[in-house]
Amino acid sequence: MRKLLVALGIFMIPQAVPLPMLDAHAEVTPAYAKWGKLAIEKTQSSYPNSKIIDYLHEGSEVNEEATIEKFKLWLKEGDKEFGVYVRIKYTTETQKVLDVELQETAK
C-alpha cells in the first residue's frame, strides 16, 4: 500500500505545482491605443488652453464598412472643468480616417 501511495505521489506532484503566472506588470497595448492618441491630439488642437486630466475609451461601434471609436476626455481650463466626446470614424479594412467629431459636454 505504501508503494502505491508513493507511486501516485510521484505522478500527482507535477500537477499540483502551479505554472508560472504571466507577469502582471507586462504592458499590453490595447487595440484602440492608436485612436486614443488621435483623440488626444485633436482635442489638444481644438482646446489649446485646456489641460486633459482624464481619458476614457467608451468602446467601438462597427457598422457595415466603418468603425467608430468612442472616447470621453475630461479637460480643465482655469477653474472650469468640462468633458469632450470624441468620435473617430474610419474604414475598418484600411483604417483610413473618415471623420473626427468633437462635442463638448458640461459636468
PDB file of N, CA and C in Angstrom:
ATOM      1  N   MET A   1       0.811  -1.187   0.000  1.00  0.00           N
ATOM      2  CA  MET A   1       0.000   0.000   0.000  1.00  0.00           C
ATOM      3  C   MET A   1       0.865   1.266   0.000  1.00  0.00           C
ATOM      4  N   ARG A   2       1.935   1.193   0.779  1.00  0.00           N
ATOM      5  CA  ARG A   2       2.830   2.339   0.866  1.00  0.00           C
ATOM      6  C   ARG A   2       3.475   2.631  -0.490  1.00  0.00           C
ATOM      7  N   LYS A   3       3.873   1.594  -1.223  1.00  0.00           N
ATOM      8  CA  LYS A   3       4.481   1.762  -2.546  1.00  0.00           C
ATOM      9  C   LYS A   3       3.488   2.387  -3.515  1.00  0.00           C
ATOM     10  N   LEU A   4       2.232   2.020  -3.396  1.00  0.00           N
ATOM     11  CA  LEU A   4       1.190   2.574  -4.251  1.00  0.00           C
ATOM     12  C   LEU A   4       1.030   4.079  -3.992  1.00  0.00           C
ATOM     13  N   LEU A   5       1.025   4.487  -2.739  1.00  0.00           N
ATOM     14  CA  LEU A   5       0.905   5.899  -2.394  1.00  0.00           C
ATOM     15  C   LEU A   5       2.110   6.696  -2.887  1.00  0.00           C
ATOM     16  N   VAL A   6       3.285   6.136  -2.773  1.00  0.00           N
ATOM     17  CA  VAL A   6       4.496   6.808  -3.261  1.00  0.00           C
ATOM     18  C   VAL A   6       4.427   6.945  -4.776  1.00  0.00           C
ATOM     19  N   ALA A   7       4.006   5.904  -5.460  1.00  0.00           N
ATOM     20  CA  ALA A   7       3.902   5.941  -6.919  1.00  0.00           C
ATOM     21  C   ALA A   7       2.876   6.986  -7.358  1.00  0.00           C
ATOM     22  N   LEU A   8       1.745   7.028  -6.692  1.00  0.00           N
ATOM     23  CA  LEU A   8       0.723   8.030  -7.021  1.00  0.00           C
ATOM     24  C   LEU A   8       1.239   9.437  -6.721  1.00  0.00           C
ATOM     25  N   GLY A   9       1.970   9.606  -5.653  1.00  0.00           N
ATOM     26  CA  GLY A   9       2.524  10.904  -5.285  1.00  0.00           C
ATOM     27  C   GLY A   9       3.475  11.436  -6.331  1.00  0.00           C
ATOM     28  N   ILE A  10       4.258  10.550  -6.924  1.00  0.00           N
ATOM     29  CA  ILE A  10       5.212  10.960  -7.961  1.00  0.00           C
ATOM     30  C   ILE A  10       4.474  11.498  -9.180  1.00  0.00           C
ATOM     31  N   PHE A  11       3.347  10.898  -9.509  1.00  0.00           N
ATOM     32  CA  PHE A  11       2.581  11.340 -10.674  1.00  0.00           C
ATOM     33  C   PHE A  11       1.700  12.549 -10.378  1.00  0.00           C
ATOM     34  N   MET A  12       1.317  12.736  -9.142  1.00  0.00           N
ATOM     35  CA  MET A  12       0.405  13.817  -8.779  1.00  0.00           C
ATOM     36  C   MET A  12       1.129  15.136  -8.495  1.00  0.00           C
ATOM     37  N   ILE A  13       2.352  15.088  -8.028  1.00  0.00           N
ATOM     38  CA  ILE A  13       3.075  16.307  -7.658  1.00  0.00           C
ATOM     39  C   ILE A  13       3.235  17.271  -8.831  1.00  0.00           C
ATOM     40  N   PRO A  14       3.597  16.833 -10.051  1.00  0.00           N
ATOM     41  CA  PRO A  14       3.733  17.803 -11.137  1.00  0.00           C
ATOM     42  C   PRO A  14       2.440  18.557 -11.438  1.00  0.00           C
ATOM     43  N   GLN A  15       1.297  17.931 -11.250  1.00  0.00           N
ATOM     44  CA  GLN A  15       0.033  18.620 -11.495  1.00  0.00           C
ATOM     45  C   GLN A  15      -0.278  19.621 -10.380  1.00  0.00           C
ATOM     46  N   ALA A  16       0.239  19.385  -9.208  1.00  0.00           N
ATOM     47  CA  ALA A  16      -0.040  20.258  -8.075  1.00  0.00           C
ATOM     48  C   ALA A  16       0.813  21.519  -8.095  1.00  0.00           C
ATOM     49  N   VAL A  17       1.932  21.494  -8.809  1.00  0.00           N
ATOM     50  CA  VAL A  17       2.822  22.648  -8.872  1.00  0.00           C
ATOM     51  C   VAL A  17       2.238  23.647  -9.874  1.00  0.00           C
ATOM     52  N   PRO A  18       1.975  24.889  -9.446  1.00  0.00           N
ATOM     53  CA  PRO A  18       1.376  25.870 -10.362  1.00  0.00           C
ATOM     54  C   PRO A  18       2.354  26.280 -11.452  1.00  0.00           C
ATOM     55  N   LEU A  19       1.807  26.548 -12.605  1.00  0.00           N
ATOM     56  CA  LEU A  19       2.616  27.047 -13.712  1.00  0.00           C
ATOM     57  C   LEU A  19       2.983  28.501 -13.445  1.00  0.00           C
ATOM     58  N   PRO A  20       4.103  28.951 -13.955  1.00  0.00           N
ATOM     59  CA  PRO A  20       4.460  30.359 -13.732  1.00  0.00           C
ATOM     60  C   PRO A  20       3.381  31.262 -14.313  1.00  0.00           C
ATOM     61  N   MET A  21       2.987  32.266 -13.546  1.00  0.00           N
ATOM     62  CA  MET A  21       1.956  33.199 -14.000  1.00  0.00           C
ATOM     63  C   MET A  21       2.585  34.233 -14.910  1.00  0.00           C
ATOM     64  N   LEU A  22       1.748  34.813 -15.770  1.00  0.00           N
ATOM     65  CA  LEU A  22       2.211  35.891 -16.617  1.00  0.00           C
ATOM     66  C   LEU A  22       2.584  37.079 -15.753  1.00  0.00           C
ATOM     67  N   ASP A  23       3.554  37.822 -16.191  1.00  0.00           N
ATOM     68  CA  ASP A  23       3.980  39.000 -15.451  1.00  0.00           C
ATOM     69  C   ASP A  23       2.824  39.994 -15.386  1.00  0.00           C
ATOM     70  N   ALA A  24       2.372  40.290 -14.196  1.00  0.00           N
ATOM     71  CA  ALA A  24       1.236  41.191 -14.012  1.00  0.00           C
ATOM     72  C   ALA A  24       1.576  42.615 -14.444  1.00  0.00           C
ATOM     73  N   HIS A  25       2.832  42.927 -14.540  1.00  0.00           N
ATOM     74  CA  HIS A  25       3.248  44.266 -14.918  1.00  0.00           C
ATOM     75  C   HIS A  25       3.580  44.383 -16.401  1.00  0.00           C
ATOM     76  N   ALA A  26       3.411  43.299 -17.145  1.00  0.00           N
ATOM     77  CA  ALA A  26       3.702  43.346 -18.576  1.00  0.00           C
ATOM     78  C   ALA A  26       2.724  44.306 -19.243  1.00  0.00           C
ATOM     79  N   GLU A  27       3.246  45.160 -20.074  1.00  0.00           N
ATOM     80  CA  GLU A  27       2.404  46.138 -20.752  1.00  0.00           C
ATOM     81  C   GLU A  27       1.752  45.512 -21.973  1.00  0.00           C
ATOM     82  N   VAL A  28       0.457  45.714 -22.064  1.00  0.00           N
ATOM     83  CA  VAL A  28      -0.305  45.243 -23.202  1.00  0.00           C
ATOM     84  C   VAL A  28      -0.932  46.468 -23.850  1.00  0.00           C
ATOM     85  N   THR A  29      -0.630  46.693 -25.099  1.00  0.00           N
ATOM     86  CA  THR A  29      -1.174  47.841 -25.804  1.00  0.00           C
ATOM     87  C   THR A  29      -2.575  47.504 -26.291  1.00  0.00           C
ATOM     88  N   PRO A  30      -3.584  48.276 -25.862  1.00  0.00           N
ATOM     89  CA  PRO A  30      -4.937  47.990 -26.310  1.00  0.00           C
ATOM     90  C   PRO A  30      -5.118  48.306 -27.793  1.00  0.00           C
ATOM     91  N   ALA A  31      -6.084  47.656 -28.408  1.00  0.00           N
ATOM     92  CA  ALA A  31      -6.328  47.831 -29.848  1.00  0.00           C
ATOM     93  C   ALA A  31      -6.706  49.269 -30.195  1.00  0.00           C
ATOM     94  N   TYR A  32      -7.302  49.987 -29.257  1.00  0.00           N
ATOM     95  CA  TYR A  32      -7.761  51.347 -29.527  1.00  0.00           C
ATOM     96  C   TYR A  32      -6.689  52.406 -29.255  1.00  0.00           C
ATOM     97  N   ALA A  33      -5.488  52.020 -28.886  1.00  0.00           N
ATOM     98  CA  ALA A  33      -4.441  52.978 -28.500  1.00  0.00           C
ATOM     99  C   ALA A  33      -4.148  53.991 -29.609  1.00  0.00           C
ATOM    100  N   LYS A  34      -4.075  53.518 -30.835  1.00  0.00           N
ATOM    101  CA  LYS A  34      -3.811  54.400 -31.979  1.00  0.00           C
ATOM    102  C   LYS A  34      -4.877  55.489 -32.075  1.00  0.00           C
ATOM    103  N   TRP A  35      -6.132  55.103 -31.856  1.00  0.00           N
ATOM    104  CA  TRP A  35      -7.245  56.042 -31.977  1.00  0.00           C
ATOM    105  C   TRP A  35      -7.306  56.953 -30.764  1.00  0.00           C
ATOM    106  N   GLY A  36      -6.911  56.459 -29.616  1.00  0.00           N
ATOM    107  CA  GLY A  36      -6.861  57.287 -28.422  1.00  0.00           C
ATOM    108  C   GLY A  36      -5.846  58.412 -28.564  1.00  0.00           C
ATOM    109  N   LYS A  37      -4.732  58.088 -29.175  1.00  0.00           N
ATOM    110  CA  LYS A  37      -3.698  59.100 -29.422  1.00  0.00           C
ATOM    111  C   LYS A  37      -4.248  60.193 -30.342  1.00  0.00           C
ATOM    112  N   LEU A  38      -4.972  59.771 -31.394  1.00  0.00           N
ATOM    113  CA  LEU A  38      -5.565  60.738 -32.322  1.00  0.00           C
ATOM    114  C   LEU A  38      -6.622  61.583 -31.607  1.00  0.00           C
ATOM    115  N   ALA A  39      -7.423  60.965 -30.746  1.00  0.00           N
ATOM    116  CA  ALA A  39      -8.443  61.703 -29.995  1.00  0.00           C
ATOM    117  C   ALA A  39      -7.797  62.776 -29.121  1.00  0.00           C
ATOM    118  N   ILE A  40      -6.704  62.431 -28.479  1.00  0.00           N
ATOM    119  CA  ILE A  40      -5.987  63.393 -27.631  1.00  0.00           C
ATOM    120  C   ILE A  40      -5.410  64.524 -28.480  1.00  0.00           C
ATOM    121  N   GLU A  41      -4.792  64.199 -29.603  1.00  0.00           N
ATOM    122  CA  GLU A  41      -4.201  65.216 -30.480  1.00  0.00           C
ATOM    123  C   GLU A  41      -5.253  66.197 -30.986  1.00  0.00           C
ATOM    124  N   LYS A  42      -6.394  65.671 -31.439  1.00  0.00           N
ATOM    125  CA  LYS A  42      -7.463  66.534 -31.963  1.00  0.00           C
ATOM    126  C   LYS A  42      -8.048  67.414 -30.861  1.00  0.00           C
ATOM    127  N   THR A  43      -8.194  66.846 -29.670  1.00  0.00           N
ATOM    128  CA  THR A  43      -8.729  67.612 -28.551  1.00  0.00           C
ATOM    129  C   THR A  43      -7.765  68.713 -28.144  1.00  0.00           C
ATOM    130  N   GLN A  44      -6.479  68.390 -28.080  1.00  0.00           N
ATOM    131  CA  GLN A  44      -5.479  69.398 -27.707  1.00  0.00           C
ATOM    132  C   GLN A  44      -5.430  70.525 -28.732  1.00  0.00           C
ATOM    133  N   SER A  45      -5.575  70.197 -30.021  1.00  0.00           N
ATOM    134  CA  SER A  45      -5.529  71.257 -31.030  1.00  0.00           C
ATOM    135  C   SER A  45      -6.799  72.110 -31.001  1.00  0.00           C
ATOM    136  N   SER A  46      -7.936  71.516 -30.610  1.00  0.00           N
ATOM    137  CA  SER A  46      -9.184  72.279 -30.543  1.00  0.00           C
ATOM    138  C   SER A  46      -9.316  73.071 -29.241  1.00  0.00           C
ATOM    139  N   TYR A  47      -8.652  72.625 -28.193  1.00  0.00           N
ATOM    140  CA  TYR A  47      -8.694  73.283 -26.888  1.00  0.00           C
ATOM    141  C   TYR A  47      -7.262  73.516 -26.390  1.00  0.00           C
ATOM    142  N   PRO A  48      -6.521  74.401 -27.063  1.00  0.00           N
ATOM    143  CA  PRO A  48      -5.097  74.562 -26.735  1.00  0.00           C
ATOM    144  C   PRO A  48      -4.826  75.136 -25.345  1.00  0.00           C
ATOM    145  N   ASN A  49      -5.779  75.813 -24.741  1.00  0.00           N
ATOM    146  CA  ASN A  49      -5.581  76.406 -23.420  1.00  0.00           C
ATOM    147  C   ASN A  49      -6.040  75.495 -22.292  1.00  0.00           C
ATOM    148  N   SER A  50      -6.496  74.295 -22.652  1.00  0.00           N
ATOM    149  CA  SER A  50      -7.003  73.353 -21.656  1.00  0.00           C
ATOM    150  C   SER A  50      -6.008  72.233 -21.421  1.00  0.00           C
ATOM    151  N   LYS A  51      -6.125  71.645 -20.249  1.00  0.00           N
ATOM    152  CA  LYS A  51      -5.294  70.503 -19.890  1.00  0.00           C
ATOM    153  C   LYS A  51      -6.194  69.273 -19.809  1.00  0.00           C
ATOM    154  N   ILE A  52      -5.800  68.192 -20.463  1.00  0.00           N
ATOM    155  CA  ILE A  52      -6.558  66.950 -20.386  1.00  0.00           C
ATOM    156  C   ILE A  52      -6.212  66.278 -19.070  1.00  0.00           C
ATOM    157  N   ILE A  53      -7.240  66.057 -18.234  1.00  0.00           N
ATOM    158  CA  ILE A  53      -6.984  65.481 -16.916  1.00  0.00           C
ATOM    159  C   ILE A  53      -7.510  64.055 -16.780  1.00  0.00           C
ATOM    160  N   ASP A  54      -8.331  63.613 -17.730  1.00  0.00           N
ATOM    161  CA  ASP A  54      -8.814  62.238 -17.681  1.00  0.00           C
ATOM    162  C   ASP A  54      -9.205  61.791 -19.074  1.00  0.00           C
ATOM    163  N   TYR A  55      -9.249  60.467 -19.251  1.00  0.00           N
ATOM    164  CA  TYR A  55      -9.443  59.872 -20.575  1.00  0.00           C
ATOM    165  C   TYR A  55     -10.182  58.557 -20.401  1.00  0.00           C
ATOM    166  N   LEU A  56     -11.192  58.324 -21.245  1.00  0.00           N
ATOM    167  CA  LEU A  56     -11.955  57.086 -21.167  1.00  0.00           C
ATOM    168  C   LEU A  56     -12.294  56.599 -22.564  1.00  0.00           C
ATOM    169  N   HIS A  57     -11.983  55.340 -22.838  1.00  0.00           N
ATOM    170  CA  HIS A  57     -12.423  54.716 -24.090  1.00  0.00           C
ATOM    171  C   HIS A  57     -13.786  54.118 -23.806  1.00  0.00           C
ATOM    172  N   GLU A  58     -14.798  54.588 -24.506  1.00  0.00           N
ATOM    173  CA  GLU A  58     -16.167  54.150 -24.259  1.00  0.00           C
ATOM    174  C   GLU A  58     -16.571  52.962 -25.123  1.00  0.00           C
ATOM    175  N   GLY A  59     -15.677  52.517 -25.969  1.00  0.00           N
ATOM    176  CA  GLY A  59     -15.976  51.361 -26.803  1.00  0.00           C
ATOM    177  C   GLY A  59     -15.946  51.709 -28.274  1.00  0.00           C
ATOM    178  N   SER A  60     -16.300  50.728 -29.077  1.00  0.00           N
ATOM    179  CA  SER A  60     -16.329  50.947 -30.519  1.00  0.00           C
ATOM    180  C   SER A  60     -17.630  50.397 -31.076  1.00  0.00           C
ATOM    181  N   GLU A  61     -17.986  50.931 -32.219  1.00  0.00           N
ATOM    182  CA  GLU A  61     -19.216  50.559 -32.893  1.00  0.00           C
ATOM    183  C   GLU A  61     -18.847  50.213 -34.332  1.00  0.00           C
ATOM    184  N   VAL A  62     -19.107  48.989 -34.719  1.00  0.00           N
ATOM    185  CA  VAL A  62     -18.752  48.549 -36.072  1.00  0.00           C
ATOM    186  C   VAL A  62     -20.002  48.556 -36.931  1.00  0.00           C
ATOM    187  N   ASN A  63     -19.961  49.322 -38.010  1.00  0.00           N
ATOM    188  CA  ASN A  63     -21.040  49.351 -38.988  1.00  0.00           C
ATOM    189  C   ASN A  63     -20.650  48.474 -40.169  1.00  0.00           C
ATOM    190  N   GLU A  64     -21.325  48.618 -41.280  1.00  0.00           N
ATOM    191  CA  GLU A  64     -21.051  47.761 -42.434  1.00  0.00           C
ATOM    192  C   GLU A  64     -19.587  47.798 -42.866  1.00  0.00           C
ATOM    193  N   GLU A  65     -19.078  48.976 -43.150  1.00  0.00           N
ATOM    194  CA  GLU A  65     -17.696  49.081 -43.627  1.00  0.00           C
ATOM    195  C   GLU A  65     -16.846  50.013 -42.777  1.00  0.00           C
ATOM    196  N   ALA A  66     -17.446  50.594 -41.745  1.00  0.00           N
ATOM    197  CA  ALA A  66     -16.723  51.568 -40.935  1.00  0.00           C
ATOM    198  C   ALA A  66     -16.814  51.202 -39.458  1.00  0.00           C
ATOM    199  N   THR A  67     -15.854  51.719 -38.710  1.00  0.00           N
ATOM    200  CA  THR A  67     -15.832  51.554 -37.262  1.00  0.00           C
ATOM    201  C   THR A  67     -15.782  52.937 -36.641  1.00  0.00           C
ATOM    202  N   ILE A  68     -16.471  53.107 -35.529  1.00  0.00           N
ATOM    203  CA  ILE A  68     -16.434  54.362 -34.784  1.00  0.00           C
ATOM    204  C   ILE A  68     -15.865  54.064 -33.393  1.00  0.00           C
ATOM    205  N   GLU A  69     -14.733  54.684 -33.093  1.00  0.00           N
ATOM    206  CA  GLU A  69     -14.138  54.576 -31.767  1.00  0.00           C
ATOM    207  C   GLU A  69     -14.650  55.756 -30.955  1.00  0.00           C
ATOM    208  N   LYS A  70     -15.105  55.473 -29.719  1.00  0.00           N
ATOM    209  CA  LYS A  70     -15.730  56.499 -28.889  1.00  0.00           C
ATOM    210  C   LYS A  70     -14.898  56.742 -27.629  1.00  0.00           C
ATOM    211  N   PHE A  71     -14.609  58.020 -27.394  1.00  0.00           N
ATOM    212  CA  PHE A  71     -13.807  58.428 -26.248  1.00  0.00           C
ATOM    213  C   PHE A  71     -14.486  59.583 -25.527  1.00  0.00           C
ATOM    214  N   LYS A  72     -14.190  59.705 -24.234  1.00  0.00           N
ATOM    215  CA  LYS A  72     -14.584  60.890 -23.480  1.00  0.00           C
ATOM    216  C   LYS A  72     -13.337  61.378 -22.753  1.00  0.00           C
ATOM    217  N   LEU A  73     -13.019  62.629 -22.998  1.00  0.00           N
ATOM    218  CA  LEU A  73     -11.880  63.248 -22.339  1.00  0.00           C
ATOM    219  C   LEU A  73     -12.400  64.316 -21.398  1.00  0.00           C
ATOM    220  N   TRP A  74     -11.749  64.452 -20.249  1.00  0.00           N
ATOM    221  CA  TRP A  74     -12.125  65.461 -19.269  1.00  0.00           C
ATOM    222  C   TRP A  74     -11.034  66.513 -19.263  1.00  0.00           C
ATOM    223  N   LEU A  75     -11.442  67.775 -19.445  1.00  0.00           N
ATOM    224  CA  LEU A  75     -10.490  68.871 -19.563  1.00  0.00           C
ATOM    225  C   LEU A  75     -10.673  69.875 -18.442  1.00  0.00           C
ATOM    226  N   LYS A  76      -9.613  70.618 -18.190  1.00  0.00           N
ATOM    227  CA  LYS A  76      -9.648  71.701 -17.214  1.00  0.00           C
ATOM    228  C   LYS A  76      -8.993  72.922 -17.834  1.00  0.00           C
ATOM    229  N   GLU A  77      -9.723  74.041 -17.752  1.00  0.00           N
ATOM    230  CA  GLU A  77      -9.200  75.309 -18.246  1.00  0.00           C
ATOM    231  C   GLU A  77      -9.472  76.353 -17.169  1.00  0.00           C
ATOM    232  N   GLY A  78      -8.442  76.737 -16.468  1.00  0.00           N
ATOM    233  CA  GLY A  78      -8.620  77.638 -15.325  1.00  0.00           C
ATOM    234  C   GLY A  78      -9.401  76.913 -14.244  1.00  0.00           C
ATOM    235  N   ASP A  79     -10.525  77.483 -13.827  1.00  0.00           N
ATOM    236  CA  ASP A  79     -11.385  76.869 -12.811  1.00  0.00           C
ATOM    237  C   ASP A  79     -12.493  76.017 -13.448  1.00  0.00           C
ATOM    238  N   LYS A  80     -12.583  76.029 -14.755  1.00  0.00           N
ATOM    239  CA  LYS A  80     -13.665  75.336 -15.463  1.00  0.00           C
ATOM    240  C   LYS A  80     -13.235  73.916 -15.843  1.00  0.00           C
ATOM    241  N   GLU A  81     -14.098  72.947 -15.531  1.00  0.00           N
ATOM    242  CA  GLU A  81     -13.878  71.565 -15.968  1.00  0.00           C
ATOM    243  C   GLU A  81     -15.037  71.163 -16.863  1.00  0.00           C
ATOM    244  N   PHE A  82     -14.730  70.426 -17.918  1.00  0.00           N
ATOM    245  CA  PHE A  82     -15.765  70.000 -18.849  1.00  0.00           C
ATOM    246  C   PHE A  82     -15.292  68.765 -19.604  1.00  0.00           C
ATOM    247  N   GLY A  83     -16.234  68.090 -20.211  1.00  0.00           N
ATOM    248  CA  GLY A  83     -15.920  66.890 -20.974  1.00  0.00           C
ATOM    249  C   GLY A  83     -16.006  67.148 -22.462  1.00  0.00           C
ATOM    250  N   VAL A  84     -15.307  66.336 -23.211  1.00  0.00           N
ATOM    251  CA  VAL A  84     -15.369  66.381 -24.665  1.00  0.00           C
ATOM    252  C   VAL A  84     -15.512  64.944 -25.165  1.00  0.00           C
ATOM    253  N   TYR A  85     -16.616  64.704 -25.865  1.00  0.00           N
ATOM    254  CA  TYR A  85     -16.802  63.414 -26.512  1.00  0.00           C
ATOM    255  C   TYR A  85     -16.091  63.465 -27.857  1.00  0.00           C
ATOM    256  N   VAL A  86     -15.307  62.440 -28.142  1.00  0.00           N
ATOM    257  CA  VAL A  86     -14.595  62.357 -29.413  1.00  0.00           C
ATOM    258  C   VAL A  86     -15.041  61.074 -30.108  1.00  0.00           C
ATOM    259  N   ARG A  87     -15.480  61.210 -31.354  1.00  0.00           N
ATOM    260  CA  ARG A  87     -15.899  60.073 -32.163  1.00  0.00           C
ATOM    261  C   ARG A  87     -15.014  60.041 -33.396  1.00  0.00           C
ATOM    262  N   ILE A  88     -14.291  58.942 -33.570  1.00  0.00           N
ATOM    263  CA  ILE A  88     -13.403  58.790 -34.717  1.00  0.00           C
ATOM    264  C   ILE A  88     -13.985  57.698 -35.605  1.00  0.00           C
ATOM    265  N   LYS A  89     -14.371  58.084 -36.798  1.00  0.00           N
ATOM    266  CA  LYS A  89     -14.934  57.131 -37.762  1.00  0.00           C
ATOM    267  C   LYS A  89     -13.864  56.816 -38.802  1.00  0.00           C
ATOM    268  N   TYR A  90     -13.640  55.528 -39.020  1.00  0.00           N
ATOM    269  CA  TYR A  90     -12.633  55.120 -40.001  1.00  0.00           C
ATOM    270  C   TYR A  90     -13.096  53.877 -40.738  1.00  0.00           C
ATOM    271  N   THR A  91     -12.523  53.682 -41.923  1.00  0.00           N
ATOM    272  CA  THR A  91     -12.817  52.490 -42.701  1.00  0.00           C
ATOM    273  C   THR A  91     -12.175  51.305 -41.991  1.00  0.00           C
ATOM    274  N   THR A  92     -12.974  50.313 -41.692  1.00  0.00           N
ATOM    275  CA  THR A  92     -12.494  49.174 -40.907  1.00  0.00           C
ATOM    276  C   THR A  92     -11.339  48.456 -41.596  1.00  0.00           C
ATOM    277  N   GLU A  93     -11.458  48.229 -42.873  1.00  0.00           N
ATOM    278  CA  GLU A  93     -10.442  47.451 -43.584  1.00  0.00           C
ATOM    279  C   GLU A  93      -9.121  48.194 -43.749  1.00  0.00           C
ATOM    280  N   THR A  94      -9.191  49.461 -44.174  1.00  0.00           N
ATOM    281  CA  THR A  94      -7.966  50.216 -44.460  1.00  0.00           C
ATOM    282  C   THR A  94      -7.511  51.091 -43.290  1.00  0.00           C
ATOM    283  N   GLN A  95      -8.379  51.294 -42.320  1.00  0.00           N
ATOM    284  CA  GLN A  95      -8.140  52.173 -41.174  1.00  0.00           C
ATOM    285  C   GLN A  95      -7.905  53.624 -41.579  1.00  0.00           C
ATOM    286  N   LYS A  96      -8.482  54.014 -42.710  1.00  0.00           N
ATOM    287  CA  LYS A  96      -8.406  55.398 -43.167  1.00  0.00           C
ATOM    288  C   LYS A  96      -9.463  56.201 -42.413  1.00  0.00           C
ATOM    289  N   VAL A  97      -9.030  57.314 -41.808  1.00  0.00           N
ATOM    290  CA  VAL A  97      -9.932  58.158 -41.033  1.00  0.00           C
ATOM    291  C   VAL A  97     -10.909  58.856 -41.973  1.00  0.00           C
ATOM    292  N   LEU A  98     -12.195  58.713 -41.656  1.00  0.00           N
ATOM    293  CA  LEU A  98     -13.241  59.353 -42.447  1.00  0.00           C
ATOM    294  C   LEU A  98     -13.730  60.645 -41.790  1.00  0.00           C
ATOM    295  N   ASP A  99     -13.801  60.659 -40.450  1.00  0.00           N
ATOM    296  CA  ASP A  99     -14.331  61.818 -39.751  1.00  0.00           C
ATOM    297  C   ASP A  99     -13.901  61.780 -38.288  1.00  0.00           C
ATOM    298  N   VAL A 100     -13.650  62.951 -37.738  1.00  0.00           N
ATOM    299  CA  VAL A 100     -13.385  63.095 -36.306  1.00  0.00           C
ATOM    300  C   VAL A 100     -14.340  64.156 -35.793  1.00  0.00           C
ATOM    301  N   GLU A 101     -15.178  63.772 -34.842  1.00  0.00           N
ATOM    302  CA  GLU A 101     -16.196  64.672 -34.312  1.00  0.00           C
ATOM    303  C   GLU A 101     -15.931  64.922 -32.829  1.00  0.00           C
ATOM    304  N   LEU A 102     -15.913  66.187 -32.434  1.00  0.00           N
ATOM    305  CA  LEU A 102     -15.747  66.557 -31.031  1.00  0.00           C
ATOM    306  C   LEU A 102     -17.020  67.265 -30.569  1.00  0.00           C
ATOM    307  N   GLN A 103     -17.492  66.885 -29.392  1.00  0.00           N
ATOM    308  CA  GLN A 103     -18.688  67.503 -28.833  1.00  0.00           C
ATOM    309  C   GLN A 103     -18.451  67.783 -27.358  1.00  0.00           C
ATOM    310  N   GLU A 104     -18.518  69.055 -27.005  1.00  0.00           N
ATOM    311  CA  GLU A 104     -18.300  69.462 -25.616  1.00  0.00           C
ATOM    312  C   GLU A 104     -19.535  69.158 -24.783  1.00  0.00           C
ATOM    313  N   THR A 105     -19.302  68.774 -23.539  1.00  0.00           N
ATOM    314  CA  THR A 105     -20.384  68.487 -22.613  1.00  0.00           C
ATOM    315  C   THR A 105     -20.084  69.097 -21.253  1.00  0.00           C
ATOM    316  N   ALA A 106     -21.128  69.473 -20.550  1.00  0.00           N
ATOM    317  CA  ALA A 106     -20.960  70.018 -19.201  1.00  0.00           C
ATOM    318  C   ALA A 106     -20.757  68.864 -18.224  1.00  0.00           C
ATOM    319  N   LYS A 107     -20.528  69.199 -16.965  1.00  0.00           N
ATOM    320  CA  LYS A 107     -20.361  68.185 -15.923  1.00  0.00           C
ATOM    321  C   LYS A 107     -21.527  67.268 -15.958  1.00  0.00           C
TER     322      LYS A 107
END
